[in-house]
Amino acid sequence: MDLRHRPLNPWVAQTDLPQMGVAARSEIRHLRLLRLYDYWTQRRGAHRYPARADLDPLDMSYLLGELIILDVFYEPLRFKYRLHGTKLVTRAGVDMTGKWVHEWPAPEYRARLTHAYSRTVEAGEPQRGDRAIFDDGRWREYEFLILPLAANGHAIDKLLAAMVYLDRIAGLVDYTVRTEPPTNTWTETN
């Protein structure tokens, strides 16, 4: 399926899109995202993309509440949340685990998500970006990383995304410091 000739999404103006592009290691600012990128690179080995089975949640414990796993479906291209991290759920006020991206309740944010995930699949490369905006009644300032996954190493069937908030509210709690192991933060739907 050739995705390059899809019509533009009428809900998204170019000026509304987050600043994003192919994830060059040198452009990733947040250390936890950089660590995830390095882990993804190491786990893919000789393949273009690692499989979901190649990733161990314990190896990503520093980001567990900020991770998203999406199943990728084609014809038409769409995405379903397998995992929506607990910290992201708290920030968003909605748990999307087991739901489709097109079910996201805020239309402007939904359009941005759809664009970012589609762009990752279309480019076939990791994407990173950042955003600072008052959007859908919420202040959002974050850096994100979207990494393709493929069970066979080359056909993208999942996306692994991490979103790290950079604003004042996120700065009130240091999620990298843990006094006990994380519990119940990695639950995927089937």
N, C-alpha and C. Protein backbone atom coordinates (compact mmCIF):
# COMPACT_ATOMS: atom_id res chain seq x y z
N MET A 1 0.85 -1.18 0.00
CA MET A 1 0.00 0.00 0.00
C MET A 1 0.89 1.24 0.00
N ASP A 2 0.65 2.14 -0.92
CA ASP A 2 1.43 3.37 -1.02
C ASP A 2 0.77 4.45 -0.17
N LEU A 3 1.43 4.84 0.91
CA LEU A 3 0.84 5.81 1.83
C LEU A 3 1.21 7.25 1.49
N ARG A 4 2.06 7.45 0.51
CA ARG A 4 2.54 8.79 0.21
C ARG A 4 1.49 9.68 -0.42
N HIS A 5 0.45 9.12 -0.97
CA HIS A 5 -0.51 9.92 -1.72
C HIS A 5 -1.86 10.03 -1.02
N ARG A 6 -1.86 9.87 0.30
CA ARG A 6 -3.10 10.04 1.05
C ARG A 6 -3.46 11.52 1.08
N PRO A 7 -4.76 11.84 1.11
CA PRO A 7 -5.14 13.25 1.24
C PRO A 7 -4.74 13.78 2.61
N LEU A 8 -4.47 15.07 2.68
CA LEU A 8 -4.12 15.70 3.95
C LEU A 8 -5.31 15.67 4.90
N ASN A 9 -5.03 15.56 6.17
CA ASN A 9 -6.08 15.56 7.18
C ASN A 9 -6.61 16.99 7.32
N PRO A 10 -7.89 17.22 7.08
CA PRO A 10 -8.42 18.58 7.13
C PRO A 10 -8.44 19.18 8.53
N TRP A 11 -8.31 18.35 9.58
CA TRP A 11 -8.34 18.84 10.96
C TRP A 11 -6.99 19.42 11.39
N VAL A 12 -5.95 19.15 10.62
CA VAL A 12 -4.61 19.53 11.05
C VAL A 12 -4.01 20.54 10.09
N ALA A 13 -3.70 21.71 10.60
CA ALA A 13 -2.97 22.70 9.82
C ALA A 13 -1.48 22.48 10.08
N GLN A 14 -0.65 22.73 9.12
CA GLN A 14 0.79 22.51 9.29
C GLN A 14 1.32 23.26 10.51
N THR A 15 0.78 24.43 10.80
CA THR A 15 1.26 25.20 11.95
C THR A 15 0.85 24.57 13.27
N ASP A 16 -0.15 23.68 13.26
CA ASP A 16 -0.60 23.01 14.47
C ASP A 16 0.23 21.80 14.84
N LEU A 17 1.03 21.32 13.90
CA LEU A 17 1.75 20.07 14.14
C LEU A 17 2.94 20.29 15.05
N PRO A 18 3.25 19.26 15.86
CA PRO A 18 4.44 19.37 16.70
C PRO A 18 5.68 19.41 15.81
N GLN A 19 6.72 20.01 16.35
CA GLN A 19 7.99 20.00 15.64
C GLN A 19 8.52 18.59 15.74
N MET A 20 8.58 17.89 14.60
CA MET A 20 9.02 16.50 14.63
C MET A 20 9.76 16.16 13.37
N GLY A 21 10.48 15.08 13.44
CA GLY A 21 11.20 14.58 12.29
C GLY A 21 11.88 13.26 12.65
N VAL A 22 12.64 12.75 11.70
CA VAL A 22 13.35 11.50 11.95
C VAL A 22 14.22 11.68 13.19
N ALA A 23 14.19 10.69 14.04
CA ALA A 23 14.88 10.77 15.34
C ALA A 23 16.38 10.58 15.17
N ALA A 24 17.09 11.68 15.04
CA ALA A 24 18.55 11.62 15.07
C ALA A 24 18.96 11.59 16.54
N ARG A 25 19.84 10.67 16.88
CA ARG A 25 20.24 10.50 18.27
C ARG A 25 20.69 11.82 18.89
N SER A 26 21.41 12.61 18.13
CA SER A 26 21.96 13.87 18.63
C SER A 26 20.89 14.91 18.94
N GLU A 27 19.67 14.73 18.43
CA GLU A 27 18.60 15.70 18.65
C GLU A 27 17.69 15.35 19.83
N ILE A 28 17.83 14.16 20.37
CA ILE A 28 17.00 13.75 21.50
C ILE A 28 17.53 14.44 22.74
N ARG A 29 16.68 15.27 23.37
CA ARG A 29 17.14 16.09 24.50
C ARG A 29 17.00 15.40 25.85
N HIS A 30 15.91 14.69 26.05
CA HIS A 30 15.64 14.10 27.36
C HIS A 30 16.42 12.80 27.52
N LEU A 31 17.13 12.66 28.63
CA LEU A 31 18.00 11.50 28.83
C LEU A 31 17.25 10.17 28.83
N ARG A 32 16.03 10.15 29.37
CA ARG A 32 15.28 8.89 29.38
C ARG A 32 14.86 8.50 27.97
N LEU A 33 14.54 9.46 27.11
CA LEU A 33 14.22 9.15 25.72
C LEU A 33 15.45 8.69 24.97
N LEU A 34 16.57 9.30 25.25
CA LEU A 34 17.83 8.88 24.64
C LEU A 34 18.16 7.44 25.04
N ARG A 35 17.96 7.13 26.28
CA ARG A 35 18.19 5.77 26.78
C ARG A 35 17.27 4.77 26.07
N LEU A 36 16.00 5.14 25.86
CA LEU A 36 15.06 4.27 25.15
C LEU A 36 15.50 4.08 23.70
N TYR A 37 15.93 5.15 23.05
CA TYR A 37 16.39 5.07 21.67
C TYR A 37 17.58 4.11 21.56
N ASP A 38 18.53 4.24 22.47
CA ASP A 38 19.70 3.35 22.47
C ASP A 38 19.29 1.89 22.71
N TYR A 39 18.34 1.68 23.59
CA TYR A 39 17.84 0.34 23.87
C TYR A 39 17.18 -0.25 22.63
N TRP A 40 16.32 0.53 21.96
CA TRP A 40 15.65 0.11 20.73
C TRP A 40 16.68 -0.26 19.67
N THR A 41 17.71 0.57 19.52
CA THR A 41 18.76 0.32 18.54
C THR A 41 19.50 -0.98 18.85
N GLN A 42 19.82 -1.19 20.11
CA GLN A 42 20.54 -2.40 20.52
C GLN A 42 19.67 -3.64 20.32
N ARG A 43 18.39 -3.57 20.63
CA ARG A 43 17.50 -4.73 20.56
C ARG A 43 17.13 -5.12 19.13
N ARG A 44 17.27 -4.22 18.19
CA ARG A 44 16.91 -4.59 16.81
C ARG A 44 17.98 -5.45 16.16
N GLY A 45 19.21 -5.39 16.68
CA GLY A 45 20.27 -6.23 16.13
C GLY A 45 20.48 -5.98 14.65
N ALA A 46 20.42 -7.06 13.85
CA ALA A 46 20.64 -6.95 12.41
C ALA A 46 19.36 -6.60 11.65
N HIS A 47 18.23 -6.55 12.35
CA HIS A 47 16.95 -6.25 11.70
C HIS A 47 16.75 -4.74 11.59
N ARG A 48 15.85 -4.35 10.71
CA ARG A 48 15.53 -2.92 10.59
C ARG A 48 14.80 -2.43 11.84
N TYR A 49 13.90 -3.29 12.39
CA TYR A 49 13.14 -2.95 13.60
C TYR A 49 13.16 -4.14 14.55
N PRO A 50 13.17 -3.89 15.85
CA PRO A 50 12.99 -5.00 16.78
C PRO A 50 11.51 -5.40 16.84
N ALA A 51 11.27 -6.60 17.32
CA ALA A 51 9.90 -7.04 17.57
C ALA A 51 9.50 -6.64 18.98
N ARG A 52 8.21 -6.58 19.25
CA ARG A 52 7.75 -6.31 20.61
C ARG A 52 8.31 -7.36 21.56
N ALA A 53 8.42 -8.60 21.10
CA ALA A 53 8.94 -9.69 21.93
C ALA A 53 10.42 -9.50 22.28
N ASP A 54 11.13 -8.67 21.54
CA ASP A 54 12.54 -8.40 21.81
C ASP A 54 12.72 -7.43 22.98
N LEU A 55 11.66 -6.79 23.39
CA LEU A 55 11.74 -5.76 24.43
C LEU A 55 11.26 -6.31 25.77
N ASP A 56 12.01 -6.01 26.81
CA ASP A 56 11.66 -6.45 28.16
C ASP A 56 11.19 -5.22 28.95
N PRO A 57 9.95 -5.25 29.45
CA PRO A 57 9.44 -4.10 30.21
C PRO A 57 10.36 -3.69 31.36
N LEU A 58 11.02 -4.65 31.99
CA LEU A 58 11.91 -4.31 33.11
C LEU A 58 13.11 -3.47 32.65
N ASP A 59 13.50 -3.66 31.39
CA ASP A 59 14.60 -2.85 30.85
C ASP A 59 14.18 -1.41 30.61
N MET A 60 12.88 -1.16 30.62
CA MET A 60 12.36 0.19 30.37
C MET A 60 11.64 0.73 31.61
N SER A 61 11.95 0.22 32.77
CA SER A 61 11.23 0.61 33.99
C SER A 61 11.34 2.10 34.29
N TYR A 62 12.37 2.75 33.82
CA TYR A 62 12.56 4.19 34.01
C TYR A 62 11.53 5.02 33.25
N LEU A 63 10.74 4.37 32.37
CA LEU A 63 9.75 5.08 31.55
C LEU A 63 8.37 4.42 31.57
N LEU A 64 8.16 3.44 32.41
CA LEU A 64 6.95 2.63 32.29
C LEU A 64 5.65 3.44 32.23
N GLY A 65 5.45 4.39 33.08
CA GLY A 65 4.21 5.15 33.07
C GLY A 65 4.09 6.12 31.91
N GLU A 66 5.15 6.27 31.14
CA GLU A 66 5.17 7.23 30.03
C GLU A 66 5.27 6.54 28.67
N LEU A 67 5.01 5.24 28.65
CA LEU A 67 5.09 4.47 27.41
C LEU A 67 3.71 4.23 26.81
N ILE A 68 3.71 4.12 25.49
CA ILE A 68 2.52 3.78 24.72
C ILE A 68 2.93 2.68 23.75
N ILE A 69 2.11 1.66 23.62
CA ILE A 69 2.29 0.66 22.57
C ILE A 69 1.01 0.66 21.75
N LEU A 70 1.19 0.77 20.44
CA LEU A 70 0.06 0.79 19.52
C LEU A 70 0.17 -0.36 18.53
N ASP A 71 -0.95 -1.01 18.25
CA ASP A 71 -1.02 -1.96 17.14
C ASP A 71 -1.27 -1.15 15.88
N VAL A 72 -0.62 -1.53 14.79
CA VAL A 72 -0.77 -0.84 13.51
C VAL A 72 -1.61 -1.72 12.60
N PHE A 73 -2.65 -1.13 12.03
CA PHE A 73 -3.52 -1.81 11.08
C PHE A 73 -3.46 -1.05 9.76
N TYR A 74 -3.58 -1.78 8.67
CA TYR A 74 -3.47 -1.19 7.34
C TYR A 74 -4.80 -1.32 6.58
N GLU A 75 -4.93 -0.46 5.59
CA GLU A 75 -6.04 -0.44 4.64
C GLU A 75 -7.39 -0.39 5.33
N PRO A 76 -7.75 0.71 5.95
CA PRO A 76 -6.99 1.96 6.04
C PRO A 76 -6.01 1.92 7.22
N LEU A 77 -5.02 2.78 7.12
CA LEU A 77 -4.03 2.89 8.19
C LEU A 77 -4.70 3.44 9.44
N ARG A 78 -4.59 2.69 10.54
CA ARG A 78 -5.16 3.13 11.80
C ARG A 78 -4.40 2.47 12.94
N PHE A 79 -4.65 2.95 14.15
CA PHE A 79 -3.84 2.56 15.30
C PHE A 79 -4.74 2.27 16.50
N LYS A 80 -4.38 1.23 17.25
CA LYS A 80 -5.13 0.85 18.44
C LYS A 80 -4.17 0.77 19.63
N TYR A 81 -4.55 1.40 20.72
CA TYR A 81 -3.73 1.39 21.93
C TYR A 81 -3.71 0.00 22.55
N ARG A 82 -2.55 -0.57 22.67
CA ARG A 82 -2.34 -1.81 23.41
C ARG A 82 -1.98 -1.45 24.86
N LEU A 83 -1.26 -0.36 25.01
CA LEU A 83 -0.84 0.13 26.33
C LEU A 83 -0.85 1.64 26.32
N HIS A 84 -1.42 2.24 27.33
CA HIS A 84 -1.39 3.69 27.51
C HIS A 84 -0.88 3.91 28.93
N GLY A 85 0.36 4.39 29.05
CA GLY A 85 1.04 4.50 30.33
C GLY A 85 0.24 5.25 31.39
N THR A 86 0.37 4.81 32.63
CA THR A 86 -0.43 5.35 33.73
C THR A 86 -0.19 6.83 33.97
N LYS A 87 1.02 7.30 33.82
CA LYS A 87 1.28 8.74 34.01
C LYS A 87 0.64 9.55 32.90
N LEU A 88 0.64 9.00 31.69
CA LEU A 88 0.00 9.68 30.57
C LEU A 88 -1.52 9.68 30.74
N VAL A 89 -2.06 8.58 31.25
CA VAL A 89 -3.49 8.51 31.53
C VAL A 89 -3.88 9.58 32.55
N THR A 90 -3.08 9.71 33.60
CA THR A 90 -3.35 10.72 34.63
C THR A 90 -3.34 12.11 34.03
N ARG A 91 -2.34 12.40 33.19
CA ARG A 91 -2.25 13.72 32.56
C ARG A 91 -3.42 13.98 31.62
N ALA A 92 -3.78 12.96 30.84
CA ALA A 92 -4.82 13.14 29.82
C ALA A 92 -6.23 13.09 30.42
N GLY A 93 -6.38 12.39 31.53
CA GLY A 93 -7.70 12.23 32.12
C GLY A 93 -8.53 11.18 31.42
N VAL A 94 -7.91 10.38 30.57
CA VAL A 94 -8.62 9.33 29.84
C VAL A 94 -7.64 8.18 29.60
N ASP A 95 -8.12 6.95 29.81
CA ASP A 95 -7.31 5.76 29.55
C ASP A 95 -7.70 5.20 28.19
N MET A 96 -6.77 5.21 27.26
CA MET A 96 -7.06 4.76 25.91
C MET A 96 -6.67 3.30 25.67
N THR A 97 -6.17 2.60 26.68
CA THR A 97 -5.79 1.20 26.51
C THR A 97 -6.98 0.41 25.95
N GLY A 98 -6.72 -0.31 24.84
CA GLY A 98 -7.76 -1.11 24.19
C GLY A 98 -8.65 -0.32 23.25
N LYS A 99 -8.40 0.98 23.10
CA LYS A 99 -9.23 1.83 22.23
C LYS A 99 -8.43 2.26 21.00
N TRP A 100 -9.15 2.71 20.00
CA TRP A 100 -8.54 3.21 18.76
C TRP A 100 -8.13 4.67 18.93
N VAL A 101 -7.10 5.08 18.25
CA VAL A 101 -6.67 6.48 18.29
C VAL A 101 -7.81 7.38 17.80
N HIS A 102 -8.57 6.94 16.81
CA HIS A 102 -9.67 7.78 16.31
C HIS A 102 -10.81 7.93 17.32
N GLU A 103 -10.72 7.25 18.47
CA GLU A 103 -11.70 7.41 19.54
C GLU A 103 -11.25 8.45 20.58
N TRP A 104 -10.05 9.01 20.39
CA TRP A 104 -9.56 10.01 21.35
C TRP A 104 -10.59 11.13 21.43
N PRO A 105 -10.98 11.53 22.65
CA PRO A 105 -12.10 12.48 22.78
C PRO A 105 -11.82 13.90 22.29
N ALA A 106 -10.58 14.35 22.30
CA ALA A 106 -10.28 15.73 21.88
C ALA A 106 -9.85 15.72 20.41
N PRO A 107 -10.65 16.32 19.52
CA PRO A 107 -10.39 16.20 18.08
C PRO A 107 -9.06 16.78 17.62
N GLU A 108 -8.62 17.91 18.17
CA GLU A 108 -7.37 18.51 17.71
C GLU A 108 -6.18 17.64 18.11
N TYR A 109 -6.20 17.16 19.34
CA TYR A 109 -5.11 16.30 19.80
C TYR A 109 -5.12 14.97 19.07
N ARG A 110 -6.31 14.42 18.84
CA ARG A 110 -6.46 13.18 18.08
C ARG A 110 -5.83 13.32 16.69
N ALA A 111 -6.07 14.45 16.03
CA ALA A 111 -5.50 14.68 14.71
C ALA A 111 -3.98 14.73 14.76
N ARG A 112 -3.44 15.35 15.81
CA ARG A 112 -1.97 15.41 15.95
C ARG A 112 -1.38 14.02 16.17
N LEU A 113 -2.05 13.23 17.01
CA LEU A 113 -1.57 11.87 17.26
C LEU A 113 -1.60 11.04 15.99
N THR A 114 -2.72 11.09 15.28
CA THR A 114 -2.86 10.34 14.04
C THR A 114 -1.77 10.73 13.05
N HIS A 115 -1.51 12.03 12.94
CA HIS A 115 -0.47 12.50 12.04
C HIS A 115 0.92 11.95 12.45
N ALA A 116 1.24 12.04 13.72
CA ALA A 116 2.56 11.60 14.19
C ALA A 116 2.74 10.09 13.98
N TYR A 117 1.73 9.30 14.31
CA TYR A 117 1.84 7.85 14.15
C TYR A 117 1.89 7.47 12.67
N SER A 118 1.07 8.12 11.86
CA SER A 118 1.08 7.85 10.41
C SER A 118 2.42 8.21 9.80
N ARG A 119 2.96 9.33 10.22
CA ARG A 119 4.25 9.77 9.69
C ARG A 119 5.35 8.76 10.03
N THR A 120 5.29 8.17 11.21
CA THR A 120 6.28 7.17 11.59
C THR A 120 6.20 5.95 10.68
N VAL A 121 4.98 5.48 10.43
CA VAL A 121 4.82 4.32 9.55
C VAL A 121 5.22 4.66 8.12
N GLU A 122 4.81 5.82 7.64
CA GLU A 122 5.12 6.23 6.27
C GLU A 122 6.62 6.38 6.06
N ALA A 123 7.31 6.99 7.02
CA ALA A 123 8.75 7.20 6.90
C ALA A 123 9.52 5.91 7.17
N GLY A 124 8.94 5.03 7.97
CA GLY A 124 9.64 3.80 8.32
C GLY A 124 10.85 4.05 9.20
N GLU A 125 10.84 5.18 9.89
CA GLU A 125 11.97 5.57 10.74
C GLU A 125 11.44 6.07 12.08
N PRO A 126 12.26 5.95 13.13
CA PRO A 126 11.86 6.55 14.41
C PRO A 126 11.64 8.05 14.24
N GLN A 127 10.68 8.57 14.98
CA GLN A 127 10.39 10.00 14.94
C GLN A 127 10.51 10.57 16.34
N ARG A 128 10.99 11.82 16.43
CA ARG A 128 11.02 12.51 17.71
C ARG A 128 10.49 13.91 17.48
N GLY A 129 10.00 14.48 18.54
CA GLY A 129 9.51 15.83 18.41
C GLY A 129 9.28 16.43 19.78
N ASP A 130 8.93 17.70 19.76
CA ASP A 130 8.58 18.39 21.00
C ASP A 130 7.46 19.36 20.71
N ARG A 131 6.81 19.76 21.75
CA ARG A 131 5.63 20.60 21.60
C ARG A 131 5.42 21.39 22.88
N ALA A 132 4.99 22.62 22.74
CA ALA A 132 4.58 23.46 23.86
C ALA A 132 3.37 24.24 23.38
N ILE A 133 2.19 23.88 23.90
CA ILE A 133 0.96 24.48 23.40
C ILE A 133 -0.16 24.32 24.42
N PHE A 134 -1.07 25.29 24.41
CA PHE A 134 -2.33 25.14 25.13
C PHE A 134 -3.28 24.50 24.14
N ASP A 135 -3.67 23.26 24.41
CA ASP A 135 -4.38 22.45 23.42
C ASP A 135 -5.54 21.72 24.09
N ASP A 136 -6.71 21.81 23.52
CA ASP A 136 -7.89 21.13 24.05
C ASP A 136 -8.10 21.43 25.53
N GLY A 137 -7.84 22.67 25.92
CA GLY A 137 -8.05 23.08 27.29
C GLY A 137 -6.95 22.68 28.26
N ARG A 138 -5.85 22.15 27.75
CA ARG A 138 -4.74 21.71 28.61
C ARG A 138 -3.42 22.27 28.09
N TRP A 139 -2.54 22.62 29.03
CA TRP A 139 -1.19 23.01 28.66
C TRP A 139 -0.39 21.74 28.45
N ARG A 140 0.26 21.63 27.30
CA ARG A 140 1.07 20.46 26.98
C ARG A 140 2.47 20.94 26.56
N GLU A 141 3.45 20.51 27.28
CA GLU A 141 4.85 20.77 26.92
C GLU A 141 5.60 19.47 27.12
N TYR A 142 6.06 18.89 26.01
CA TYR A 142 6.63 17.56 26.09
C TYR A 142 7.60 17.29 24.95
N GLU A 143 8.40 16.26 25.14
CA GLU A 143 9.22 15.68 24.07
C GLU A 143 8.73 14.26 23.90
N PHE A 144 8.67 13.79 22.67
CA PHE A 144 8.21 12.43 22.42
C PHE A 144 9.12 11.72 21.45
N LEU A 145 9.05 10.39 21.50
CA LEU A 145 9.82 9.52 20.64
C LEU A 145 8.89 8.40 20.21
N ILE A 146 8.84 8.12 18.91
CA ILE A 146 8.00 7.04 18.38
C ILE A 146 8.92 6.09 17.62
N LEU A 147 8.89 4.81 18.03
CA LEU A 147 9.79 3.81 17.48
C LEU A 147 8.99 2.68 16.83
N PRO A 148 9.29 2.35 15.57
CA PRO A 148 8.58 1.25 14.90
C PRO A 148 9.04 -0.11 15.44
N LEU A 149 8.09 -1.05 15.48
CA LEU A 149 8.37 -2.43 15.86
C LEU A 149 7.81 -3.33 14.78
N ALA A 150 8.46 -4.50 14.59
CA ALA A 150 8.00 -5.44 13.56
C ALA A 150 8.31 -6.86 13.99
N ALA A 151 7.29 -7.69 14.05
CA ALA A 151 7.48 -9.08 14.45
C ALA A 151 8.45 -9.80 13.52
N ASN A 152 8.41 -9.46 12.23
CA ASN A 152 9.30 -10.11 11.27
C ASN A 152 10.57 -9.30 10.98
N GLY A 153 10.74 -8.18 11.67
CA GLY A 153 11.94 -7.37 11.51
C GLY A 153 11.86 -6.30 10.44
N HIS A 154 10.81 -6.34 9.57
CA HIS A 154 10.77 -5.34 8.50
C HIS A 154 9.39 -4.76 8.20
N ALA A 155 8.29 -5.42 8.54
CA ALA A 155 6.94 -4.89 8.29
C ALA A 155 6.39 -4.36 9.62
N ILE A 156 6.23 -3.05 9.73
CA ILE A 156 5.82 -2.42 10.99
C ILE A 156 4.42 -2.89 11.39
N ASP A 157 4.35 -3.49 12.59
CA ASP A 157 3.05 -3.94 13.10
C ASP A 157 2.69 -3.32 14.45
N LYS A 158 3.66 -2.62 15.05
CA LYS A 158 3.42 -1.93 16.32
C LYS A 158 4.29 -0.68 16.36
N LEU A 159 3.87 0.25 17.21
CA LEU A 159 4.69 1.42 17.50
C LEU A 159 4.89 1.48 19.01
N LEU A 160 6.11 1.80 19.41
CA LEU A 160 6.42 2.06 20.81
C LEU A 160 6.68 3.55 20.91
N ALA A 161 5.92 4.22 21.74
CA ALA A 161 6.08 5.67 21.89
C ALA A 161 6.31 5.99 23.35
N ALA A 162 7.07 7.04 23.58
CA ALA A 162 7.27 7.57 24.93
C ALA A 162 7.07 9.06 24.87
N MET A 163 6.37 9.58 25.86
CA MET A 163 6.11 11.01 25.93
C MET A 163 6.53 11.47 27.32
N VAL A 164 7.49 12.40 27.35
CA VAL A 164 7.99 12.92 28.61
C VAL A 164 7.59 14.38 28.71
N TYR A 165 6.76 14.69 29.70
CA TYR A 165 6.33 16.07 29.91
C TYR A 165 7.48 16.87 30.50
N LEU A 166 7.60 18.11 30.02
CA LEU A 166 8.71 18.97 30.41
C LEU A 166 8.25 20.19 31.20
N ASP A 167 6.95 20.33 31.40
CA ASP A 167 6.44 21.54 32.02
C ASP A 167 6.59 21.52 33.54
N ARG A 168 6.14 22.55 34.17
CA ARG A 168 6.29 22.72 35.61
C ARG A 168 5.64 21.60 36.41
N ILE A 169 4.46 21.13 36.00
CA ILE A 169 3.79 20.06 36.73
C ILE A 169 4.63 18.79 36.70
N ALA A 170 5.19 18.47 35.53
CA ALA A 170 6.02 17.28 35.43
C ALA A 170 7.27 17.41 36.28
N GLY A 171 7.77 18.64 36.45
CA GLY A 171 8.98 18.86 37.23
C GLY A 171 8.79 18.72 38.73
N LEU A 172 7.55 18.65 39.18
CA LEU A 172 7.30 18.53 40.61
C LEU A 172 7.63 17.15 41.16
N VAL A 173 7.64 16.15 40.28
CA VAL A 173 7.92 14.78 40.70
C VAL A 173 9.02 14.22 39.82
N ASP A 174 10.02 13.61 40.42
CA ASP A 174 11.08 12.97 39.66
C ASP A 174 10.73 11.50 39.53
N TYR A 175 10.23 11.11 38.34
CA TYR A 175 9.79 9.73 38.13
C TYR A 175 10.96 8.76 37.96
N THR A 176 12.16 9.24 37.84
CA THR A 176 13.29 8.34 37.66
C THR A 176 13.76 7.77 38.99
N VAL A 177 13.36 8.35 40.10
CA VAL A 177 13.76 7.87 41.41
C VAL A 177 12.66 6.97 41.96
N ARG A 178 13.01 5.74 42.26
CA ARG A 178 12.04 4.78 42.78
C ARG A 178 12.53 4.23 44.10
N THR A 179 11.65 4.14 45.06
CA THR A 179 12.02 3.55 46.34
C THR A 179 11.62 2.08 46.38
N GLU A 180 10.75 1.66 45.47
CA GLU A 180 10.35 0.26 45.39
C GLU A 180 10.08 -0.07 43.94
N PRO A 181 10.08 -1.35 43.58
CA PRO A 181 9.85 -1.71 42.18
C PRO A 181 8.46 -1.27 41.71
N PRO A 182 8.33 -0.95 40.42
CA PRO A 182 7.02 -0.56 39.90
C PRO A 182 6.05 -1.73 39.97
N THR A 183 4.80 -1.43 40.22
CA THR A 183 3.78 -2.47 40.25
C THR A 183 2.64 -2.09 39.32
N ASN A 184 2.14 -3.08 38.61
CA ASN A 184 0.94 -2.92 37.80
C ASN A 184 1.02 -1.79 36.79
N THR A 185 2.19 -1.49 36.26
CA THR A 185 2.27 -0.40 35.29
C THR A 185 2.43 -0.91 33.87
N TRP A 186 2.49 -2.21 33.66
CA TRP A 186 2.67 -2.74 32.30
C TRP A 186 1.57 -3.76 32.05
N THR A 187 0.47 -3.28 31.50
CA THR A 187 -0.65 -4.16 31.19
C THR A 187 -1.05 -3.88 29.75
N GLU A 188 -0.88 -4.88 28.90
CA GLU A 188 -1.27 -4.74 27.51
C GLU A 188 -2.59 -5.46 27.29
N THR A 189 -3.35 -4.95 26.32
CA THR A 189 -4.56 -5.66 25.94
C THR A 189 -4.22 -6.59 24.79
N ASN A 190 -5.03 -7.56 24.59
CA ASN A 190 -4.80 -8.50 23.46
C ASN A 190 -5.68 -8.19 22.31
